[in-house]
Full PDB file with SEQRES, HELIX, SHEET, SSBOND, CRYST1, ORIGX, SCALE, CONECT and MASTER records, all heavy atoms in Angstrom:
SEQRES   1 A   33  ARG PRO GLY PRO ALA ASP PRO GLY PRO GLY PHE SER ASN          
SEQRES   2 A   33  THR LYS ALA LEU GLY GLU VAL LEU TYR THR ASP TYR VAL          
SEQRES   3 A   33  TYR PRO PHE GLU LEU ALA ALA                                  
HELIX    1 AA1 ASN A   13  LEU A   21  1                                   9    
HELIX    2 AA2 VAL A   26  ALA A   32  1                                   7    
CRYST1    1.000    1.000    1.000  90.00  90.00  90.00 P 1           1          
ORIGX1      1.000000  0.000000  0.000000        0.00000                         
ORIGX2      0.000000  1.000000  0.000000        0.00000                         
ORIGX3      0.000000  0.000000  1.000000        0.00000                         
SCALE1      1.000000  0.000000  0.000000        0.00000                         
SCALE2      0.000000  1.000000  0.000000        0.00000                         
SCALE3      0.000000  0.000000  1.000000        0.00000                         
ATOM      1  N   ARG A   1       9.952 107.435  94.854  1.00  0.00           N  
ATOM      2  CA  ARG A   1       9.917 108.816  95.335  1.00  0.00           C  
ATOM      3  C   ARG A   1       8.864 108.948  96.435  1.00  0.00           C  
ATOM      4  O   ARG A   1       7.717 108.531  96.287  1.00  0.00           O  
ATOM      5  CB  ARG A   1       9.545 109.737  94.230  1.00  0.00           C  
ATOM      6  CG  ARG A   1       9.477 111.228  94.607  1.00  0.00           C  
ATOM      7  CD  ARG A   1       9.354 112.088  93.363  1.00  0.00           C  
ATOM      8  NE  ARG A   1       8.105 111.758  92.651  1.00  0.00           N  
ATOM      9  CZ  ARG A   1       6.980 112.349  92.890  1.00  0.00           C  
ATOM     10  NH1 ARG A   1       6.828 113.267  93.784  1.00  0.00           N  
ATOM     11  NH2 ARG A   1       5.946 111.989  92.157  1.00  0.00           N  
ATOM     12  N   PRO A   2       9.207 109.456  97.597  1.00  0.00           N  
ATOM     13  CA  PRO A   2       8.221 109.612  98.684  1.00  0.00           C  
ATOM     14  C   PRO A   2       7.254 110.699  98.380  1.00  0.00           C  
ATOM     15  O   PRO A   2       7.496 111.587  97.655  1.00  0.00           O  
ATOM     16  CB  PRO A   2       9.173 109.931  99.923  1.00  0.00           C  
ATOM     17  CG  PRO A   2      10.331 110.603  99.320  1.00  0.00           C  
ATOM     18  CD  PRO A   2      10.607 109.890  97.989  1.00  0.00           C  
ATOM     19  N   GLY A   3       6.167 110.579  99.077  1.00  0.00           N  
ATOM     20  CA  GLY A   3       5.070 111.583  98.890  1.00  0.00           C  
ATOM     21  C   GLY A   3       5.438 112.862  99.612  1.00  0.00           C  
ATOM     22  O   GLY A   3       6.393 112.977 100.342  1.00  0.00           O  
ATOM     23  N   PRO A   4       4.641 113.880  99.288  1.00  0.00           N  
ATOM     24  CA  PRO A   4       4.913 115.231  99.900  1.00  0.00           C  
ATOM     25  C   PRO A   4       4.715 115.175 101.423  1.00  0.00           C  
ATOM     26  O   PRO A   4       3.796 114.466 101.902  1.00  0.00           O  
ATOM     27  CB  PRO A   4       3.953 116.173  99.199  1.00  0.00           C  
ATOM     28  CG  PRO A   4       2.864 115.245  98.742  1.00  0.00           C  
ATOM     29  CD  PRO A   4       3.485 113.928  98.409  1.00  0.00           C  
ATOM     30  N   ALA A   5       5.509 115.924 102.096  1.00  0.00           N  
ATOM     31  CA  ALA A   5       5.408 115.999 103.567  1.00  0.00           C  
ATOM     32  C   ALA A   5       4.221 116.870 103.964  1.00  0.00           C  
ATOM     33  O   ALA A   5       3.805 117.798 103.260  1.00  0.00           O  
ATOM     34  CB  ALA A   5       6.678 116.529 104.182  1.00  0.00           C  
ATOM     35  N   ASP A   6       3.651 116.587 105.126  1.00  0.00           N  
ATOM     36  CA  ASP A   6       2.564 117.384 105.670  1.00  0.00           C  
ATOM     37  C   ASP A   6       3.077 118.723 106.070  1.00  0.00           C  
ATOM     38  O   ASP A   6       3.912 118.807 107.003  1.00  0.00           O  
ATOM     39  CB  ASP A   6       1.868 116.651 106.799  1.00  0.00           C  
ATOM     40  CG  ASP A   6       0.569 117.312 107.233  1.00  0.00           C  
ATOM     41  OD1 ASP A   6       0.163 118.295 106.549  1.00  0.00           O  
ATOM     42  OD2 ASP A   6      -0.027 116.877 108.204  1.00  0.00           O  
ATOM     43  N   PRO A   7       2.575 119.864 105.466  1.00  0.00           N  
ATOM     44  CA  PRO A   7       3.113 121.184 105.852  1.00  0.00           C  
ATOM     45  C   PRO A   7       2.595 121.643 107.189  1.00  0.00           C  
ATOM     46  O   PRO A   7       3.153 122.616 107.667  1.00  0.00           O  
ATOM     47  CB  PRO A   7       2.590 122.090 104.730  1.00  0.00           C  
ATOM     48  CG  PRO A   7       1.348 121.393 104.209  1.00  0.00           C  
ATOM     49  CD  PRO A   7       1.602 119.920 104.411  1.00  0.00           C  
ATOM     50  N   GLY A   8       1.647 121.083 107.803  1.00  0.00           N  
ATOM     51  CA  GLY A   8       1.133 121.499 109.099  1.00  0.00           C  
ATOM     52  C   GLY A   8      -0.134 122.189 108.974  1.00  0.00           C  
ATOM     53  O   GLY A   8      -0.572 122.648 107.944  1.00  0.00           O  
ATOM     54  N   PRO A   9      -0.817 122.407 110.117  1.00  0.00           N  
ATOM     55  CA  PRO A   9      -2.163 123.013 110.043  1.00  0.00           C  
ATOM     56  C   PRO A   9      -2.129 124.514 109.716  1.00  0.00           C  
ATOM     57  O   PRO A   9      -3.124 124.993 109.250  1.00  0.00           O  
ATOM     58  CB  PRO A   9      -2.681 122.788 111.495  1.00  0.00           C  
ATOM     59  CG  PRO A   9      -1.481 122.600 112.358  1.00  0.00           C  
ATOM     60  CD  PRO A   9      -0.451 121.930 111.486  1.00  0.00           C  
ATOM     61  N   GLY A  10      -1.053 125.269 110.061  1.00  0.00           N  
ATOM     62  CA  GLY A  10      -0.991 126.628 109.756  1.00  0.00           C  
ATOM     63  C   GLY A  10      -0.515 127.046 108.354  1.00  0.00           C  
ATOM     64  O   GLY A  10      -0.392 128.205 108.040  1.00  0.00           O  
ATOM     65  N   PHE A  11      -0.338 126.024 107.498  1.00  0.00           N  
ATOM     66  CA  PHE A  11       0.151 126.333 106.138  1.00  0.00           C  
ATOM     67  C   PHE A  11      -0.967 126.838 105.270  1.00  0.00           C  
ATOM     68  O   PHE A  11      -2.104 126.311 105.250  1.00  0.00           O  
ATOM     69  CB  PHE A  11       0.792 125.072 105.539  1.00  0.00           C  
ATOM     70  CG  PHE A  11       1.282 125.232 104.137  1.00  0.00           C  
ATOM     71  CD1 PHE A  11       2.435 125.885 103.868  1.00  0.00           C  
ATOM     72  CD2 PHE A  11       0.530 124.745 103.075  1.00  0.00           C  
ATOM     73  CE1 PHE A  11       2.866 126.039 102.588  1.00  0.00           C  
ATOM     74  CE2 PHE A  11       0.990 124.892 101.795  1.00  0.00           C  
ATOM     75  CZ  PHE A  11       2.137 125.509 101.540  1.00  0.00           C  
ATOM     76  N   SER A  12      -0.629 127.874 104.439  1.00  0.00           N  
ATOM     77  CA  SER A  12      -1.590 128.452 103.506  1.00  0.00           C  
ATOM     78  C   SER A  12      -1.121 128.304 102.111  1.00  0.00           C  
ATOM     79  O   SER A  12      -0.039 128.768 101.750  1.00  0.00           O  
ATOM     80  CB  SER A  12      -1.829 129.936 103.836  1.00  0.00           C  
ATOM     81  OG  SER A  12      -2.707 130.521 102.875  1.00  0.00           O  
ATOM     82  N   ASN A  13      -1.834 127.515 101.372  1.00  0.00           N  
ATOM     83  CA  ASN A  13      -1.426 127.241  99.990  1.00  0.00           C  
ATOM     84  C   ASN A  13      -1.557 128.573  99.139  1.00  0.00           C  
ATOM     85  O   ASN A  13      -0.675 128.830  98.295  1.00  0.00           O  
ATOM     86  CB  ASN A  13      -2.372 126.193  99.352  1.00  0.00           C  
ATOM     87  CG  ASN A  13      -2.032 125.924  97.899  1.00  0.00           C  
ATOM     88  OD1 ASN A  13      -2.665 126.476  96.981  1.00  0.00           O  
ATOM     89  ND2 ASN A  13      -1.098 125.050  97.627  1.00  0.00           N  
ATOM     90  N   THR A  14      -2.522 129.367  99.402  1.00  0.00           N  
ATOM     91  CA  THR A  14      -2.662 130.631  98.648  1.00  0.00           C  
ATOM     92  C   THR A  14      -1.506 131.572  98.949  1.00  0.00           C  
ATOM     93  O   THR A  14      -1.006 132.212  98.035  1.00  0.00           O  
ATOM     94  CB  THR A  14      -4.034 131.272  99.041  1.00  0.00           C  
ATOM     95  OG1 THR A  14      -5.062 130.365  98.801  1.00  0.00           O  
ATOM     96  CG2 THR A  14      -4.250 132.557  98.188  1.00  0.00           C  
ATOM     97  N   LYS A  15      -1.121 131.672 100.218  1.00  0.00           N  
ATOM     98  CA  LYS A  15      -0.021 132.569 100.570  1.00  0.00           C  
ATOM     99  C   LYS A  15       1.332 132.053  99.936  1.00  0.00           C  
ATOM    100  O   LYS A  15       2.068 132.905  99.394  1.00  0.00           O  
ATOM    101  CB  LYS A  15       0.134 132.573 102.130  1.00  0.00           C  
ATOM    102  CG  LYS A  15       1.253 133.496 102.614  1.00  0.00           C  
ATOM    103  CD  LYS A  15       1.352 133.468 104.115  1.00  0.00           C  
ATOM    104  CE  LYS A  15       2.469 134.325 104.595  1.00  0.00           C  
ATOM    105  NZ  LYS A  15       2.559 134.298 106.074  1.00  0.00           N  
ATOM    106  N   ALA A  16       1.547 130.756  99.951  1.00  0.00           N  
ATOM    107  CA  ALA A  16       2.799 130.245  99.353  1.00  0.00           C  
ATOM    108  C   ALA A  16       2.776 130.463  97.836  1.00  0.00           C  
ATOM    109  O   ALA A  16       3.786 130.844  97.280  1.00  0.00           O  
ATOM    110  CB  ALA A  16       2.870 128.741  99.694  1.00  0.00           C  
ATOM    111  N   LEU A  17       1.621 130.223  97.231  1.00  0.00           N  
ATOM    112  CA  LEU A  17       1.530 130.464  95.816  1.00  0.00           C  
ATOM    113  C   LEU A  17       1.795 131.922  95.404  1.00  0.00           C  
ATOM    114  O   LEU A  17       2.464 132.305  94.459  1.00  0.00           O  
ATOM    115  CB  LEU A  17       0.173 129.990  95.309  1.00  0.00           C  
ATOM    116  CG  LEU A  17      -0.051 130.102  93.791  1.00  0.00           C  
ATOM    117  CD1 LEU A  17       0.951 129.213  92.989  1.00  0.00           C  
ATOM    118  CD2 LEU A  17      -1.447 129.668  93.418  1.00  0.00           C  
ATOM    119  N   GLY A  18       1.162 132.783  96.227  1.00  0.00           N  
ATOM    120  CA  GLY A  18       1.383 134.222  95.982  1.00  0.00           C  
ATOM    121  C   GLY A  18       2.829 134.667  96.188  1.00  0.00           C  
ATOM    122  O   GLY A  18       3.358 135.503  95.419  1.00  0.00           O  
ATOM    123  N   GLU A  19       3.445 134.134  97.249  1.00  0.00           N  
ATOM    124  CA  GLU A  19       4.908 134.491  97.417  1.00  0.00           C  
ATOM    125  C   GLU A  19       5.730 134.049  96.252  1.00  0.00           C  
ATOM    126  O   GLU A  19       6.622 134.716  95.778  1.00  0.00           O  
ATOM    127  CB  GLU A  19       5.339 133.909  98.726  1.00  0.00           C  
ATOM    128  CG  GLU A  19       4.752 134.525 100.010  1.00  0.00           C  
ATOM    129  CD  GLU A  19       5.244 133.839 101.236  1.00  0.00           C  
ATOM    130  OE1 GLU A  19       5.918 132.781 101.180  1.00  0.00           O  
ATOM    131  OE2 GLU A  19       4.940 134.417 102.391  1.00  0.00           O  
ATOM    132  N   VAL A  20       5.531 132.823  95.798  1.00  0.00           N  
ATOM    133  CA  VAL A  20       6.326 132.315  94.578  1.00  0.00           C  
ATOM    134  C   VAL A  20       5.947 133.110  93.401  1.00  0.00           C  
ATOM    135  O   VAL A  20       6.893 133.391  92.580  1.00  0.00           O  
ATOM    136  CB  VAL A  20       6.063 130.806  94.461  1.00  0.00           C  
ATOM    137  CG1 VAL A  20       6.745 130.282  93.220  1.00  0.00           C  
ATOM    138  CG2 VAL A  20       6.554 130.050  95.680  1.00  0.00           C  
ATOM    139  N   LEU A  21       4.703 133.355  93.163  1.00  0.00           N  
ATOM    140  CA  LEU A  21       4.285 133.998  91.933  1.00  0.00           C  
ATOM    141  C   LEU A  21       4.803 135.451  91.834  1.00  0.00           C  
ATOM    142  O   LEU A  21       5.204 135.876  90.740  1.00  0.00           O  
ATOM    143  CB  LEU A  21       2.745 133.963  91.872  1.00  0.00           C  
ATOM    144  CG  LEU A  21       2.079 134.336  90.505  1.00  0.00           C  
ATOM    145  CD1 LEU A  21       2.548 133.388  89.472  1.00  0.00           C  
ATOM    146  CD2 LEU A  21       0.614 134.378  90.639  1.00  0.00           C  
ATOM    147  N   TYR A  22       4.856 136.143  92.973  1.00  0.00           N  
ATOM    148  CA  TYR A  22       5.184 137.578  92.903  1.00  0.00           C  
ATOM    149  C   TYR A  22       6.632 137.832  93.372  1.00  0.00           C  
ATOM    150  O   TYR A  22       7.004 139.007  93.493  1.00  0.00           O  
ATOM    151  CB  TYR A  22       4.203 138.393  93.758  1.00  0.00           C  
ATOM    152  CG  TYR A  22       2.824 138.430  93.215  1.00  0.00           C  
ATOM    153  CD1 TYR A  22       1.780 137.711  93.823  1.00  0.00           C  
ATOM    154  CD2 TYR A  22       2.506 139.177  92.077  1.00  0.00           C  
ATOM    155  CE1 TYR A  22       0.534 137.773  93.320  1.00  0.00           C  
ATOM    156  CE2 TYR A  22       1.285 139.200  91.534  1.00  0.00           C  
ATOM    157  CZ  TYR A  22       0.267 138.520  92.136  1.00  0.00           C  
ATOM    158  OH  TYR A  22      -1.011 138.562  91.617  1.00  0.00           O  
ATOM    159  N   THR A  23       7.381 136.795  93.514  1.00  0.00           N  
ATOM    160  CA  THR A  23       8.866 137.005  93.805  1.00  0.00           C  
ATOM    161  C   THR A  23       9.708 136.285  92.782  1.00  0.00           C  
ATOM    162  O   THR A  23      10.400 136.936  92.006  1.00  0.00           O  
ATOM    163  CB  THR A  23       9.140 136.414  95.234  1.00  0.00           C  
ATOM    164  OG1 THR A  23       8.718 135.079  95.288  1.00  0.00           O  
ATOM    165  CG2 THR A  23       8.509 137.285  96.296  1.00  0.00           C  
ATOM    166  N   ASP A  24       9.618 134.936  92.718  1.00  0.00           N  
ATOM    167  CA  ASP A  24      10.433 134.193  91.759  1.00  0.00           C  
ATOM    168  C   ASP A  24       9.976 134.332  90.317  1.00  0.00           C  
ATOM    169  O   ASP A  24      10.789 134.362  89.389  1.00  0.00           O  
ATOM    170  CB  ASP A  24      10.465 132.759  92.172  1.00  0.00           C  
ATOM    171  CG  ASP A  24      11.090 132.536  93.509  1.00  0.00           C  
ATOM    172  OD1 ASP A  24      11.814 133.413  94.035  1.00  0.00           O  
ATOM    173  OD2 ASP A  24      10.788 131.469  94.169  1.00  0.00           O  
ATOM    174  N   TYR A  25       8.655 134.417  90.132  1.00  0.00           N  
ATOM    175  CA  TYR A  25       8.113 134.424  88.760  1.00  0.00           C  
ATOM    176  C   TYR A  25       7.318 135.690  88.493  1.00  0.00           C  
ATOM    177  O   TYR A  25       6.389 135.751  87.691  1.00  0.00           O  
ATOM    178  CB  TYR A  25       7.194 133.249  88.538  1.00  0.00           C  
ATOM    179  CG  TYR A  25       7.898 131.858  88.722  1.00  0.00           C  
ATOM    180  CD1 TYR A  25       7.803 131.164  89.921  1.00  0.00           C  
ATOM    181  CD2 TYR A  25       8.605 131.370  87.642  1.00  0.00           C  
ATOM    182  CE1 TYR A  25       8.428 129.945  90.066  1.00  0.00           C  
ATOM    183  CE2 TYR A  25       9.233 130.186  87.865  1.00  0.00           C  
ATOM    184  CZ  TYR A  25       9.156 129.444  89.035  1.00  0.00           C  
ATOM    185  OH  TYR A  25       9.755 128.271  89.174  1.00  0.00           O  
ATOM    186  N   VAL A  26       7.805 136.830  89.012  1.00  0.00           N  
ATOM    187  CA  VAL A  26       7.092 138.105  88.851  1.00  0.00           C  
ATOM    188  C   VAL A  26       7.149 138.606  87.394  1.00  0.00           C  
ATOM    189  O   VAL A  26       6.179 139.073  86.822  1.00  0.00           O  
ATOM    190  CB  VAL A  26       7.569 139.114  89.857  1.00  0.00           C  
ATOM    191  CG1 VAL A  26       9.069 139.446  89.664  1.00  0.00           C  
ATOM    192  CG2 VAL A  26       6.726 140.424  89.755  1.00  0.00           C  
ATOM    193  N   TYR A  27       8.357 138.474  86.786  1.00  0.00           N  
ATOM    194  CA  TYR A  27       8.478 138.934  85.365  1.00  0.00           C  
ATOM    195  C   TYR A  27       7.754 138.119  84.423  1.00  0.00           C  
ATOM    196  O   TYR A  27       7.065 138.658  83.456  1.00  0.00           O  
ATOM    197  CB  TYR A  27       9.979 139.061  84.989  1.00  0.00           C  
ATOM    198  CG  TYR A  27      10.710 140.147  85.847  1.00  0.00           C  
ATOM    199  CD1 TYR A  27      11.731 139.797  86.711  1.00  0.00           C  
ATOM    200  CD2 TYR A  27      10.330 141.453  85.719  1.00  0.00           C  
ATOM    201  CE1 TYR A  27      12.305 140.777  87.431  1.00  0.00           C  
ATOM    202  CE2 TYR A  27      10.966 142.480  86.452  1.00  0.00           C  
ATOM    203  CZ  TYR A  27      11.988 142.134  87.303  1.00  0.00           C  
ATOM    204  OH  TYR A  27      12.628 143.108  88.019  1.00  0.00           O  
ATOM    205  N   PRO A  28       7.848 136.738  84.463  1.00  0.00           N  
ATOM    206  CA  PRO A  28       6.981 135.972  83.531  1.00  0.00           C  
ATOM    207  C   PRO A  28       5.468 136.216  83.810  1.00  0.00           C  
ATOM    208  O   PRO A  28       4.687 136.213  82.877  1.00  0.00           O  
ATOM    209  CB  PRO A  28       7.312 134.524  83.887  1.00  0.00           C  
ATOM    210  CG  PRO A  28       8.711 134.592  84.409  1.00  0.00           C  
ATOM    211  CD  PRO A  28       8.754 135.878  85.173  1.00  0.00           C  
ATOM    212  N   PHE A  29       5.120 136.435  85.034  1.00  0.00           N  
ATOM    213  CA  PHE A  29       3.718 136.695  85.367  1.00  0.00           C  
ATOM    214  C   PHE A  29       3.255 138.041  84.712  1.00  0.00           C  
ATOM    215  O   PHE A  29       2.175 138.115  84.058  1.00  0.00           O  
ATOM    216  CB  PHE A  29       3.468 136.738  86.889  1.00  0.00           C  
ATOM    217  CG  PHE A  29       2.078 137.008  87.303  1.00  0.00           C  
ATOM    218  CD1 PHE A  29       1.130 136.037  87.156  1.00  0.00           C  
ATOM    219  CD2 PHE A  29       1.714 138.236  87.807  1.00  0.00           C  
ATOM    220  CE1 PHE A  29      -0.237 136.278  87.550  1.00  0.00           C  
ATOM    221  CE2 PHE A  29       0.404 138.469  88.176  1.00  0.00           C  
ATOM    222  CZ  PHE A  29      -0.544 137.452  88.053  1.00  0.00           C  
ATOM    223  N   GLU A  30       4.078 139.060  84.827  1.00  0.00           N  
ATOM    224  CA  GLU A  30       3.777 140.352  84.220  1.00  0.00           C  
ATOM    225  C   GLU A  30       3.726 140.285  82.710  1.00  0.00           C  
ATOM    226  O   GLU A  30       2.926 140.855  82.054  1.00  0.00           O  
ATOM    227  CB  GLU A  30       4.705 141.442  84.680  1.00  0.00           C  
ATOM    228  CG  GLU A  30       4.567 141.791  86.150  1.00  0.00           C  
ATOM    229  CD  GLU A  30       5.514 142.901  86.543  1.00  0.00           C  
ATOM    230  OE1 GLU A  30       6.342 143.329  85.724  1.00  0.00           O  
ATOM    231  OE2 GLU A  30       5.437 143.359  87.696  1.00  0.00           O  
ATOM    232  N   LEU A  31       4.660 139.488  82.136  1.00  0.00           N  
ATOM    233  CA  LEU A  31       4.683 139.291  80.666  1.00  0.00           C  
ATOM    234  C   LEU A  31       3.401 138.579  80.216  1.00  0.00           C  
ATOM    235  O   LEU A  31       2.876 139.009  79.168  1.00  0.00           O  
ATOM    236  CB  LEU A  31       5.934 138.519  80.286  1.00  0.00           C  
ATOM    237  CG  LEU A  31       6.123 138.173  78.783  1.00  0.00           C  
ATOM    238  CD1 LEU A  31       6.297 139.564  78.033  1.00  0.00           C  
ATOM    239  CD2 LEU A  31       7.363 137.325  78.559  1.00  0.00           C  
ATOM    240  N   ALA A  32       3.024 137.590  80.919  1.00  0.00           N  
ATOM    241  CA  ALA A  32       1.743 136.893  80.539  1.00  0.00           C  
ATOM    242  C   ALA A  32       0.514 137.869  80.674  1.00  0.00           C  
ATOM    243  O   ALA A  32      -0.348 137.835  79.828  1.00  0.00           O  
ATOM    244  CB  ALA A  32       1.549 135.642  81.417  1.00  0.00           C  
ATOM    245  N   ALA A  33       0.566 138.714  81.697  1.00  0.00           N  
ATOM    246  CA  ALA A  33      -0.575 139.678  81.841  1.00  0.00           C  
ATOM    247  C   ALA A  33      -0.551 140.687  80.715  1.00  0.00           C  
ATOM    248  O   ALA A  33      -1.611 141.001  80.163  1.00  0.00           O  
ATOM    249  CB  ALA A  33      -0.390 140.406  83.122  1.00  0.00           C  
TER     250      ALA A  33                                                      
MASTER        0    0    0    2    0    0    0    6  249    1    0    3          
END                                                                             
């Protein structure tokens, strides 16, 4: 399996995590809260 690709200098891990957390997993996140 190849390693992860370089996302580039403008990539924000926090922004990507927030988008995934509050879009795809918003209901499990609210349930956990």
